[in-house]
Amino acid sequence: MKRIAYEDYPDVLNAEQIAMLLGISRSGAYQLLNRADFPTLHIGKRKLAPKDKVLAWIDRQTGEQAKLETRKKQNFFSVKPCGKSQNSER
């Protein structure tokens, strides 16, 4: 499959174009188009997405993912004080 430069995609993308842009299957693109948080434009039965909104959505998703990864690392590396448990006093 030949890669297309971002600038060469139309301003409004259909499922096939979203799939090519993101490197996912057309089925995966339709799953995105059906998500409540994905910027889908409904025109009749067609589902489309504005290219700039798709990129903004990706930025939000990757930002949220980075925050989750940071939280996981912080929880993993956090030092919790060791104390006597109630069971050890017996």
PDB file of N, CA and C in Angstrom:
ATOM      1  N   MET A   1       0.846  -1.162   0.000  1.00  0.00           N
ATOM      2  CA  MET A   1       0.000   0.000   0.000  1.00  0.00           C
ATOM      3  C   MET A   1       0.900   1.237   0.000  1.00  0.00           C
ATOM      4  N   LYS A   2       0.629   2.150  -0.909  1.00  0.00           N
ATOM      5  CA  LYS A   2       1.412   3.367  -1.016  1.00  0.00           C
ATOM      6  C   LYS A   2       0.973   4.374   0.041  1.00  0.00           C
ATOM      7  N   ARG A   3       1.933   4.937   0.766  1.00  0.00           N
ATOM      8  CA  ARG A   3       1.639   5.937   1.793  1.00  0.00           C
ATOM      9  C   ARG A   3       1.360   7.276   1.123  1.00  0.00           C
ATOM     10  N   ILE A   4       0.392   7.995   1.652  1.00  0.00           N
ATOM     11  CA  ILE A   4       0.031   9.311   1.143  1.00  0.00           C
ATOM     12  C   ILE A   4       0.419  10.334   2.201  1.00  0.00           C
ATOM     13  N   ALA A   5       0.971  11.450   1.757  1.00  0.00           N
ATOM     14  CA  ALA A   5       1.336  12.515   2.694  1.00  0.00           C
ATOM     15  C   ALA A   5       0.066  13.073   3.328  1.00  0.00           C
ATOM     16  N   TYR A   6       0.181  13.453   4.585  1.00  0.00           N
ATOM     17  CA  TYR A   6      -0.961  13.988   5.331  1.00  0.00           C
ATOM     18  C   TYR A   6      -1.637  15.123   4.573  1.00  0.00           C
ATOM     19  N   GLU A   7      -0.849  16.011   4.006  1.00  0.00           N
ATOM     20  CA  GLU A   7      -1.380  17.173   3.298  1.00  0.00           C
ATOM     21  C   GLU A   7      -2.207  16.788   2.076  1.00  0.00           C
ATOM     22  N   ASP A   8      -1.963  15.603   1.523  1.00  0.00           N
ATOM     23  CA  ASP A   8      -2.664  15.169   0.317  1.00  0.00           C
ATOM     24  C   ASP A   8      -4.031  14.543   0.599  1.00  0.00           C
ATOM     25  N   TYR A   9      -4.347  14.285   1.869  1.00  0.00           N
ATOM     26  CA  TYR A   9      -5.667  13.764   2.207  1.00  0.00           C
ATOM     27  C   TYR A   9      -6.690  14.895   2.118  1.00  0.00           C
ATOM     28  N   PRO A  10      -7.938  14.568   1.801  1.00  0.00           N
ATOM     29  CA  PRO A  10      -8.971  15.613   1.772  1.00  0.00           C
ATOM     30  C   PRO A  10      -9.265  16.120   3.180  1.00  0.00           C
ATOM     31  N   ASP A  11      -9.920  17.263   3.267  1.00  0.00           N
ATOM     32  CA  ASP A  11     -10.232  17.864   4.568  1.00  0.00           C
ATOM     33  C   ASP A  11     -11.216  17.035   5.379  1.00  0.00           C
ATOM     34  N   VAL A  12     -12.062  16.270   4.692  1.00  0.00           N
ATOM     35  CA  VAL A  12     -13.022  15.394   5.354  1.00  0.00           C
ATOM     36  C   VAL A  12     -12.737  13.968   4.894  1.00  0.00           C
ATOM     37  N   LEU A  13     -12.542  13.070   5.861  1.00  0.00           N
ATOM     38  CA  LEU A  13     -12.098  11.703   5.579  1.00  0.00           C
ATOM     39  C   LEU A  13     -13.223  10.692   5.718  1.00  0.00           C
ATOM     40  N   ASN A  14     -13.229   9.694   4.826  1.00  0.00           N
ATOM     41  CA  ASN A  14     -14.144   8.567   4.995  1.00  0.00           C
ATOM     42  C   ASN A  14     -13.393   7.437   5.701  1.00  0.00           C
ATOM     43  N   ALA A  15     -14.060   6.337   5.928  1.00  0.00           N
ATOM     44  CA  ALA A  15     -13.464   5.226   6.693  1.00  0.00           C
ATOM     45  C   ALA A  15     -12.204   4.689   6.031  1.00  0.00           C
ATOM     46  N   GLU A  16     -12.226   4.552   4.722  1.00  0.00           N
ATOM     47  CA  GLU A  16     -11.062   4.014   4.022  1.00  0.00           C
ATOM     48  C   GLU A  16      -9.861   4.955   4.171  1.00  0.00           C
ATOM     49  N   GLN A  17     -10.104   6.250   4.079  1.00  0.00           N
ATOM     50  CA  GLN A  17      -9.018   7.221   4.218  1.00  0.00           C
ATOM     51  C   GLN A  17      -8.497   7.275   5.655  1.00  0.00           C
ATOM     52  N   ILE A  18      -9.391   7.161   6.622  1.00  0.00           N
ATOM     53  CA  ILE A  18      -8.971   7.116   8.031  1.00  0.00           C
ATOM     54  C   ILE A  18      -8.093   5.888   8.260  1.00  0.00           C
ATOM     55  N   ALA A  19      -8.511   4.756   7.696  1.00  0.00           N
ATOM     56  CA  ALA A  19      -7.740   3.520   7.829  1.00  0.00           C
ATOM     57  C   ALA A  19      -6.339   3.693   7.245  1.00  0.00           C
ATOM     58  N   MET A  20      -6.250   4.295   6.057  1.00  0.00           N
ATOM     59  CA  MET A  20      -4.948   4.506   5.427  1.00  0.00           C
ATOM     60  C   MET A  20      -4.095   5.485   6.234  1.00  0.00           C
ATOM     61  N   LEU A  21      -4.704   6.560   6.711  1.00  0.00           N
ATOM     62  CA  LEU A  21      -3.988   7.584   7.474  1.00  0.00           C
ATOM     63  C   LEU A  21      -3.407   7.014   8.763  1.00  0.00           C
ATOM     64  N   LEU A  22      -4.196   6.189   9.453  1.00  0.00           N
ATOM     65  CA  LEU A  22      -3.777   5.649  10.745  1.00  0.00           C
ATOM     66  C   LEU A  22      -3.080   4.294  10.647  1.00  0.00           C
ATOM     67  N   GLY A  23      -3.114   3.690   9.479  1.00  0.00           N
ATOM     68  CA  GLY A  23      -2.490   2.380   9.317  1.00  0.00           C
ATOM     69  C   GLY A  23      -3.258   1.278  10.009  1.00  0.00           C
ATOM     70  N   ILE A  24      -4.591   1.390   9.967  1.00  0.00           N
ATOM     71  CA  ILE A  24      -5.451   0.376  10.589  1.00  0.00           C
ATOM     72  C   ILE A  24      -6.373  -0.196   9.515  1.00  0.00           C
ATOM     73  N   SER A  25      -7.149  -1.204   9.879  1.00  0.00           N
ATOM     74  CA  SER A  25      -8.091  -1.792   8.929  1.00  0.00           C
ATOM     75  C   SER A  25      -9.297  -0.877   8.743  1.00  0.00           C
ATOM     76  N   ARG A  26     -10.035  -1.097   7.682  1.00  0.00           N
ATOM     77  CA  ARG A  26     -11.254  -0.323   7.456  1.00  0.00           C
ATOM     78  C   ARG A  26     -12.270  -0.616   8.554  1.00  0.00           C
ATOM     79  N   SER A  27     -12.292  -1.849   9.010  1.00  0.00           N
ATOM     80  CA  SER A  27     -13.156  -2.220  10.129  1.00  0.00           C
ATOM     81  C   SER A  27     -12.792  -1.425  11.377  1.00  0.00           C
ATOM     82  N   GLY A  28     -11.497  -1.279  11.626  1.00  0.00           N
ATOM     83  CA  GLY A  28     -11.031  -0.488  12.762  1.00  0.00           C
ATOM     84  C   GLY A  28     -11.428   0.976  12.627  1.00  0.00           C
ATOM     85  N   ALA A  29     -11.387   1.486  11.401  1.00  0.00           N
ATOM     86  CA  ALA A  29     -11.801   2.867  11.159  1.00  0.00           C
ATOM     87  C   ALA A  29     -13.287   3.041  11.464  1.00  0.00           C
ATOM     88  N   TYR A  30     -14.104   2.062  11.074  1.00  0.00           N
ATOM     89  CA  TYR A  30     -15.533   2.140  11.385  1.00  0.00           C
ATOM     90  C   TYR A  30     -15.771   2.065  12.892  1.00  0.00           C
ATOM     91  N   GLN A  31     -14.971   1.274  13.586  1.00  0.00           N
ATOM     92  CA  GLN A  31     -15.100   1.234  15.048  1.00  0.00           C
ATOM     93  C   GLN A  31     -14.813   2.605  15.648  1.00  0.00           C
ATOM     94  N   LEU A  32     -13.797   3.281  15.122  1.00  0.00           N
ATOM     95  CA  LEU A  32     -13.516   4.636  15.585  1.00  0.00           C
ATOM     96  C   LEU A  32     -14.677   5.574  15.279  1.00  0.00           C
ATOM     97  N   LEU A  33     -15.193   5.497  14.054  1.00  0.00           N
ATOM     98  CA  LEU A  33     -16.292   6.370  13.649  1.00  0.00           C
ATOM     99  C   LEU A  33     -17.543   6.153  14.506  1.00  0.00           C
ATOM    100  N   ASN A  34     -17.665   5.004  15.118  1.00  0.00           N
ATOM    101  CA  ASN A  34     -18.818   4.707  15.977  1.00  0.00           C
ATOM    102  C   ASN A  34     -18.578   5.035  17.448  1.00  0.00           C
ATOM    103  N   ARG A  35     -17.355   5.440  17.793  1.00  0.00           N
ATOM    104  CA  ARG A  35     -17.073   5.821  19.184  1.00  0.00           C
ATOM    105  C   ARG A  35     -17.692   7.173  19.488  1.00  0.00           C
ATOM    106  N   ALA A  36     -18.181   7.316  20.700  1.00  0.00           N
ATOM    107  CA  ALA A  36     -18.813   8.572  21.111  1.00  0.00           C
ATOM    108  C   ALA A  36     -17.819   9.725  21.160  1.00  0.00           C
ATOM    109  N   ASP A  37     -16.551   9.427  21.473  1.00  0.00           N
ATOM    110  CA  ASP A  37     -15.567  10.504  21.613  1.00  0.00           C
ATOM    111  C   ASP A  37     -14.797  10.806  20.333  1.00  0.00           C
ATOM    112  N   PHE A  38     -15.109  10.113  19.246  1.00  0.00           N
ATOM    113  CA  PHE A  38     -14.427  10.343  17.971  1.00  0.00           C
ATOM    114  C   PHE A  38     -15.208  11.373  17.166  1.00  0.00           C
ATOM    115  N   PRO A  39     -14.528  12.312  16.514  1.00  0.00           N
ATOM    116  CA  PRO A  39     -15.210  13.406  15.807  1.00  0.00           C
ATOM    117  C   PRO A  39     -15.866  12.974  14.495  1.00  0.00           C
ATOM    118  N   THR A  40     -17.017  12.363  14.609  1.00  0.00           N
ATOM    119  CA  THR A  40     -17.716  11.839  13.441  1.00  0.00           C
ATOM    120  C   THR A  40     -18.761  12.826  12.948  1.00  0.00           C
ATOM    121  N   LEU A  41     -18.781  12.998  11.652  1.00  0.00           N
ATOM    122  CA  LEU A  41     -19.755  13.845  10.981  1.00  0.00           C
ATOM    123  C   LEU A  41     -20.712  12.924  10.235  1.00  0.00           C
ATOM    124  N   HIS A  42     -22.000  13.009  10.548  1.00  0.00           N
ATOM    125  CA  HIS A  42     -22.998  12.162   9.899  1.00  0.00           C
ATOM    126  C   HIS A  42     -23.670  12.956   8.786  1.00  0.00           C
ATOM    127  N   ILE A  43     -23.564  12.445   7.576  1.00  0.00           N
ATOM    128  CA  ILE A  43     -24.254  13.046   6.436  1.00  0.00           C
ATOM    129  C   ILE A  43     -25.054  11.931   5.793  1.00  0.00           C
ATOM    130  N   GLY A  44     -26.362  11.943   6.054  1.00  0.00           N
ATOM    131  CA  GLY A  44     -27.205  10.832   5.619  1.00  0.00           C
ATOM    132  C   GLY A  44     -26.739   9.577   6.332  1.00  0.00           C
ATOM    133  N   LYS A  45     -26.441   8.539   5.571  1.00  0.00           N
ATOM    134  CA  LYS A  45     -25.937   7.299   6.161  1.00  0.00           C
ATOM    135  C   LYS A  45     -24.410   7.273   6.230  1.00  0.00           C
ATOM    136  N   ARG A  46     -23.783   8.271   5.634  1.00  0.00           N
ATOM    137  CA  ARG A  46     -22.314   8.309   5.606  1.00  0.00           C
ATOM    138  C   ARG A  46     -21.759   8.808   6.925  1.00  0.00           C
ATOM    139  N   LYS A  47     -20.620   8.246   7.288  1.00  0.00           N
ATOM    140  CA  LYS A  47     -19.891   8.685   8.471  1.00  0.00           C
ATOM    141  C   LYS A  47     -18.531   9.176   7.996  1.00  0.00           C
ATOM    142  N   LEU A  48     -18.250  10.434   8.301  1.00  0.00           N
ATOM    143  CA  LEU A  48     -17.017  11.069   7.877  1.00  0.00           C
ATOM    144  C   LEU A  48     -16.370  11.728   9.088  1.00  0.00           C
ATOM    145  N   ALA A  49     -15.135  12.146   8.929  1.00  0.00           N
ATOM    146  CA  ALA A  49     -14.440  12.831  10.018  1.00  0.00           C
ATOM    147  C   ALA A  49     -13.555  13.932   9.437  1.00  0.00           C
ATOM    148  N   PRO A  50     -13.672  15.149   9.972  1.00  0.00           N
ATOM    149  CA  PRO A  50     -12.774  16.215   9.534  1.00  0.00           C
ATOM    150  C   PRO A  50     -11.326  15.876   9.904  1.00  0.00           C
ATOM    151  N   LYS A  51     -10.430  16.042   8.960  1.00  0.00           N
ATOM    152  CA  LYS A  51      -9.030  15.659   9.153  1.00  0.00           C
ATOM    153  C   LYS A  51      -8.402  16.369  10.353  1.00  0.00           C
ATOM    154  N   ASP A  52      -8.650  17.657  10.508  1.00  0.00           N
ATOM    155  CA  ASP A  52      -8.048  18.388  11.624  1.00  0.00           C
ATOM    156  C   ASP A  52      -8.586  17.913  12.967  1.00  0.00           C
ATOM    157  N   LYS A  53      -9.870  17.526  12.994  1.00  0.00           N
ATOM    158  CA  LYS A  53     -10.458  17.018  14.248  1.00  0.00           C
ATOM    159  C   LYS A  53      -9.901  15.636  14.594  1.00  0.00           C
ATOM    160  N   VAL A  54      -9.625  14.834  13.576  1.00  0.00           N
ATOM    161  CA  VAL A  54      -9.030  13.513  13.814  1.00  0.00           C
ATOM    162  C   VAL A  54      -7.649  13.675  14.453  1.00  0.00           C
ATOM    163  N   LEU A  55      -6.858  14.606  13.934  1.00  0.00           N
ATOM    164  CA  LEU A  55      -5.531  14.835  14.507  1.00  0.00           C
ATOM    165  C   LEU A  55      -5.620  15.372  15.930  1.00  0.00           C
ATOM    166  N   ALA A  56      -6.579  16.255  16.186  1.00  0.00           N
ATOM    167  CA  ALA A  56      -6.775  16.761  17.556  1.00  0.00           C
ATOM    168  C   ALA A  56      -7.187  15.626  18.482  1.00  0.00           C
ATOM    169  N   TRP A  57      -8.039  14.719  17.999  1.00  0.00           N
ATOM    170  CA  TRP A  57      -8.479  13.561  18.787  1.00  0.00           C
ATOM    171  C   TRP A  57      -7.271  12.679  19.122  1.00  0.00           C
ATOM    172  N   ILE A  58      -6.397  12.471  18.136  1.00  0.00           N
ATOM    173  CA  ILE A  58      -5.196  11.659  18.364  1.00  0.00           C
ATOM    174  C   ILE A  58      -4.324  12.314  19.428  1.00  0.00           C
ATOM    175  N   ASP A  59      -4.166  13.625  19.337  1.00  0.00           N
ATOM    176  CA  ASP A  59      -3.363  14.340  20.340  1.00  0.00           C
ATOM    177  C   ASP A  59      -3.947  14.156  21.734  1.00  0.00           C
ATOM    178  N   ARG A  60      -5.263  14.245  21.849  1.00  0.00           N
ATOM    179  CA  ARG A  60      -5.895  14.054  23.161  1.00  0.00           C
ATOM    180  C   ARG A  60      -5.688  12.635  23.661  1.00  0.00           C
ATOM    181  N   GLN A  61      -5.843  11.665  22.775  1.00  0.00           N
ATOM    182  CA  GLN A  61      -5.694  10.265  23.172  1.00  0.00           C
ATOM    183  C   GLN A  61      -4.273   9.972  23.616  1.00  0.00           C
ATOM    184  N   THR A  62      -3.299  10.454  22.882  1.00  0.00           N
ATOM    185  CA  THR A  62      -1.916  10.177  23.241  1.00  0.00           C
ATOM    186  C   THR A  62      -1.532  10.931  24.502  1.00  0.00           C
ATOM    187  N   GLY A  63      -2.101  12.115  24.712  1.00  0.00           N
ATOM    188  CA  GLY A  63      -1.861  12.853  25.945  1.00  0.00           C
ATOM    189  C   GLY A  63      -2.418  12.117  27.141  1.00  0.00           C
ATOM    190  N   GLU A  64      -3.634  11.586  27.008  1.00  0.00           N
ATOM    191  CA  GLU A  64      -4.248  10.822  28.092  1.00  0.00           C
ATOM    192  C   GLU A  64      -3.466   9.547  28.353  1.00  0.00           C
ATOM    193  N   GLN A  65      -3.005   8.902  27.297  1.00  0.00           N
ATOM    194  CA  GLN A  65      -2.234   7.676  27.451  1.00  0.00           C
ATOM    195  C   GLN A  65      -0.928   7.968  28.178  1.00  0.00           C
ATOM    196  N   ALA A  66      -0.293   9.077  27.826  1.00  0.00           N
ATOM    197  CA  ALA A  66       0.955   9.444  28.492  1.00  0.00           C
ATOM    198  C   ALA A  66       0.715   9.707  29.973  1.00  0.00           C
ATOM    199  N   LYS A  67      -0.405  10.348  30.303  1.00  0.00           N
ATOM    200  CA  LYS A  67      -0.731  10.602  31.707  1.00  0.00           C
ATOM    201  C   LYS A  67      -0.933   9.289  32.456  1.00  0.00           C
ATOM    202  N   LEU A  68      -1.640   8.338  31.822  1.00  0.00           N
ATOM    203  CA  LEU A  68      -1.865   7.040  32.461  1.00  0.00           C
ATOM    204  C   LEU A  68      -0.546   6.308  32.684  1.00  0.00           C
ATOM    205  N   GLU A  69       0.326   6.338  31.683  1.00  0.00           N
ATOM    206  CA  GLU A  69       1.624   5.671  31.813  1.00  0.00           C
ATOM    207  C   GLU A  69       2.446   6.310  32.937  1.00  0.00           C
ATOM    208  N   THR A  70       2.390   7.638  33.035  1.00  0.00           N
ATOM    209  CA  THR A  70       3.115   8.330  34.094  1.00  0.00           C
ATOM    210  C   THR A  70       2.574   7.932  35.456  1.00  0.00           C
ATOM    211  N   ARG A  71       1.242   7.862  35.577  1.00  0.00           N
ATOM    212  CA  ARG A  71       0.642   7.451  36.849  1.00  0.00           C
ATOM    213  C   ARG A  71       1.051   6.033  37.215  1.00  0.00           C
ATOM    214  N   LYS A  72       1.052   5.140  36.228  1.00  0.00           N
ATOM    215  CA  LYS A  72       1.451   3.757  36.492  1.00  0.00           C
ATOM    216  C   LYS A  72       2.882   3.700  36.999  1.00  0.00           C
ATOM    217  N   LYS A  73       3.770   4.477  36.355  1.00  0.00           N
ATOM    218  CA  LYS A  73       5.171   4.490  36.771  1.00  0.00           C
ATOM    219  C   LYS A  73       5.305   5.067  38.174  1.00  0.00           C
ATOM    220  N   GLN A  74       4.561   6.144  38.456  1.00  0.00           N
ATOM    221  CA  GLN A  74       4.637   6.749  39.776  1.00  0.00           C
ATOM    222  C   GLN A  74       4.160   5.776  40.847  1.00  0.00           C
ATOM    223  N   ASN A  75       3.083   5.065  40.568  1.00  0.00           N
ATOM    224  CA  ASN A  75       2.572   4.081  41.525  1.00  0.00           C
ATOM    225  C   ASN A  75       3.551   2.922  41.690  1.00  0.00           C
ATOM    226  N   PHE A  76       4.187   2.518  40.618  1.00  0.00           N
ATOM    227  CA  PHE A  76       5.127   1.412  40.664  1.00  0.00           C
ATOM    228  C   PHE A  76       6.353   1.781  41.492  1.00  0.00           C
ATOM    229  N   PHE A  77       6.850   3.010  41.313  1.00  0.00           N
ATOM    230  CA  PHE A  77       8.076   3.423  41.973  1.00  0.00           C
ATOM    231  C   PHE A  77       7.847   4.104  43.312  1.00  0.00           C
ATOM    232  N   SER A  78       6.599   4.312  43.688  1.00  0.00           N
ATOM    233  CA  SER A  78       6.370   4.994  44.963  1.00  0.00           C
ATOM    234  C   SER A  78       6.734   4.064  46.121  1.00  0.00           C
ATOM    235  N   VAL A  79       7.291   4.646  47.147  1.00  0.00           N
ATOM    236  CA  VAL A  79       7.705   3.885  48.319  1.00  0.00           C
ATOM    237  C   VAL A  79       6.611   4.032  49.364  1.00  0.00           C
ATOM    238  N   LYS A  80       6.121   2.919  49.822  1.00  0.00           N
ATOM    239  CA  LYS A  80       5.084   2.928  50.845  1.00  0.00           C
ATOM    240  C   LYS A  80       5.709   2.490  52.156  1.00  0.00           C
ATOM    241  N   PRO A  81       5.399   3.194  53.224  1.00  0.00           N
ATOM    242  CA  PRO A  81       6.001   2.833  54.516  1.00  0.00           C
ATOM    243  C   PRO A  81       5.552   1.443  54.955  1.00  0.00           C
ATOM    244  N   CYS A  82       6.477   0.740  55.518  1.00  0.00           N
ATOM    245  CA  CYS A  82       6.174  -0.581  56.057  1.00  0.00           C
ATOM    246  C   CYS A  82       5.857  -0.414  57.537  1.00  0.00           C
ATOM    247  N   GLY A  83       4.765  -0.915  57.937  1.00  0.00           N
ATOM    248  CA  GLY A  83       4.389  -0.852  59.347  1.00  0.00           C
ATOM    249  C   GLY A  83       3.991  -2.224  59.820  1.00  0.00           C
ATOM    250  N   LYS A  84       3.833  -2.315  61.101  1.00  0.00           N
ATOM    251  CA  LYS A  84       3.385  -3.597  61.639  1.00  0.00           C
ATOM    252  C   LYS A  84       1.928  -3.786  61.280  1.00  0.00           C
ATOM    253  N   SER A  85       1.626  -4.945  60.817  1.00  0.00           N
ATOM    254  CA  SER A  85       0.230  -5.234  60.544  1.00  0.00           C
ATOM    255  C   SER A  85      -0.448  -5.651  61.854  1.00  0.00           C
ATOM    256  N   GLN A  86      -1.715  -5.570  61.872  1.00  0.00           N
ATOM    257  CA  GLN A  86      -2.446  -5.926  63.089  1.00  0.00           C
ATOM    258  C   GLN A  86      -2.272  -7.389  63.447  1.00  0.00           C
ATOM    259  N   ASN A  87      -2.069  -8.221  62.436  1.00  0.00           N
ATOM    260  CA  ASN A  87      -1.914  -9.649  62.672  1.00  0.00           C
ATOM    261  C   ASN A  87      -0.563  -9.983  63.311  1.00  0.00           C
ATOM    262  N   SER A  88       0.463  -9.134  63.104  1.00  0.00           N
ATOM    263  CA  SER A  88       1.784  -9.471  63.633  1.00  0.00           C
ATOM    264  C   SER A  88       1.934  -9.153  65.110  1.00  0.00           C
ATOM    265  N   GLU A  89       0.968  -8.478  65.727  1.00  0.00           N
ATOM    266  CA  GLU A  89       1.052  -8.131  67.127  1.00  0.00           C
ATOM    267  C   GLU A  89       0.597  -9.263  68.039  1.00  0.00           C
ATOM    268  N   ARG A  90       0.144 -10.342  67.520  1.00  0.00           N
ATOM    269  CA  ARG A  90      -0.367 -11.446  68.331  1.00  0.00           C
ATOM    270  C   ARG A  90       0.693 -12.182  69.026  1.00  0.00           C
TER     271      ARG A  90
END
